[in-house]
C-alpha atoms as a PDB file:
ATOM      1  CA  UNK A   1     122.308 -45.467  47.972  1.00  0.00           C
ATOM      2  CA  UNK A   2     121.292 -47.791  45.161  1.00  0.00           C
ATOM      3  CA  UNK A   3     124.052 -50.203  46.110  1.00  0.00           C
ATOM      4  CA  UNK A   4     122.804 -50.391  49.684  1.00  0.00           C
ATOM      5  CA  UNK A   5     119.291 -51.273  48.496  1.00  0.00           C
ATOM      6  CA  UNK A   6     120.671 -54.022  46.274  1.00  0.00           C
ATOM      7  CA  UNK A   7     122.689 -55.462  49.138  1.00  0.00           C
ATOM      8  CA  UNK A   8     119.675 -55.411  51.480  1.00  0.00           C
ATOM      9  CA  UNK A   9     117.477 -57.074  48.841  1.00  0.00           C
ATOM     10  CA  UNK A  10     120.121 -59.750  48.295  1.00  0.00           C
ATOM     11  CA  UNK A  11     120.430 -60.469  52.023  1.00  0.00           C
ATOM     12  CA  UNK A  12     116.646 -60.711  52.422  1.00  0.00           C
ATOM     13  CA  UNK A  13     116.458 -63.062  49.438  1.00  0.00           C
ATOM     14  CA  UNK A  14     119.227 -65.271  50.826  1.00  0.00           C
ATOM     15  CA  UNK A  15     117.515 -65.481  54.217  1.00  0.00           C
ATOM     16  CA  UNK A  16     114.214 -66.418  52.557  1.00  0.00           C
ATOM     17  CA  UNK A  17     115.889 -69.060  50.390  1.00  0.00           C
ATOM     18  CA  UNK A  18     117.669 -70.467  53.441  1.00  0.00           C
ATOM     19  CA  UNK A  19     114.357 -70.877  55.265  1.00  0.00           C
ATOM     20  CA  UNK A  20     112.761 -72.508  52.211  1.00  0.00           C
ATOM     21  CA  UNK A  21     115.692 -74.926  51.836  1.00  0.00           C
ATOM     22  CA  UNK A  22     115.582 -75.897  55.510  1.00  0.00           C
ATOM     23  CA  UNK A  23     111.843 -76.606  55.319  1.00  0.00           C
ATOM     24  CA  UNK A  24     112.267 -78.545  52.071  1.00  0.00           C
ATOM     25  CA  UNK A  25     115.182 -80.505  53.511  1.00  0.00           C
ATOM     26  CA  UNK A  26     112.967 -81.740  56.338  1.00  0.00           C
ATOM     27  CA  UNK A  27     109.620 -82.094  54.557  1.00  0.00           C
ATOM     28  CA  UNK A  28     110.627 -83.816  51.311  1.00  0.00           C
ATOM     29  CA  UNK A  29     112.565 -86.706  52.910  1.00  0.00           C
ATOM     30  CA  UNK A  30     109.692 -87.111  55.377  1.00  0.00           C
ATOM     31  CA  UNK A  31     107.246 -87.521  52.510  1.00  0.00           C
ATOM     32  CA  UNK A  32     109.465 -90.134  50.879  1.00  0.00           C
ATOM     33  CA  UNK A  33     109.819 -92.036  54.151  1.00  0.00           C
ATOM     34  CA  UNK A  34     106.041 -92.074  54.602  1.00  0.00           C
ATOM     35  CA  UNK A  35     105.722 -93.703  51.173  1.00  0.00           C
ATOM     36  CA  UNK A  36     108.638 -96.128  51.592  1.00  0.00           C
ATOM     37  CA  UNK A  37     107.959 -97.180  55.211  1.00  0.00           C
ATOM     38  CA  UNK A  38     105.554-100.055  54.415  1.00  0.00           C
ATOM     39  CA  UNK A  39     108.056-101.579  51.980  1.00  0.00           C
ATOM     40  CA  UNK A  40     110.897-101.179  54.461  1.00  0.00           C
ATOM     41  CA  UNK A  41     108.866-103.025  57.092  1.00  0.00           C
ATOM     42  CA  UNK A  42     108.197-105.811  54.592  1.00  0.00           C
ATOM     43  CA  UNK A  43     111.873-106.070  53.496  1.00  0.00           C
ATOM     44  CA  UNK A  44     113.425-105.579  56.941  1.00  0.00           C
ATOM     45  CA  UNK A  45     110.836-106.562  59.560  1.00  0.00           C
ATOM     46  CA  UNK A  46     111.258-105.321  63.103  1.00  0.00           C
ATOM     47  CA  UNK A  47     113.151-107.650  65.412  1.00  0.00           C
ATOM     48  CA  UNK A  48     111.103-109.628  67.862  1.00  0.00           C
ATOM     49  CA  UNK A  49     113.084-110.327  71.035  1.00  0.00           C
ATOM     50  CA  UNK A  50     112.256-113.636  72.668  1.00  0.00           C
END
């Protein structure tokens, strides 16, 4: 019975860590892009079609 509890706790922990990693994988690059976007526009300005 102790082994079953350990397995359940491990599965719950892995699910929680998976959710945290997915959120971090989306949020952290978004924060960096918000900081870098003005410099990217200065280095590579948007094309103006004529």
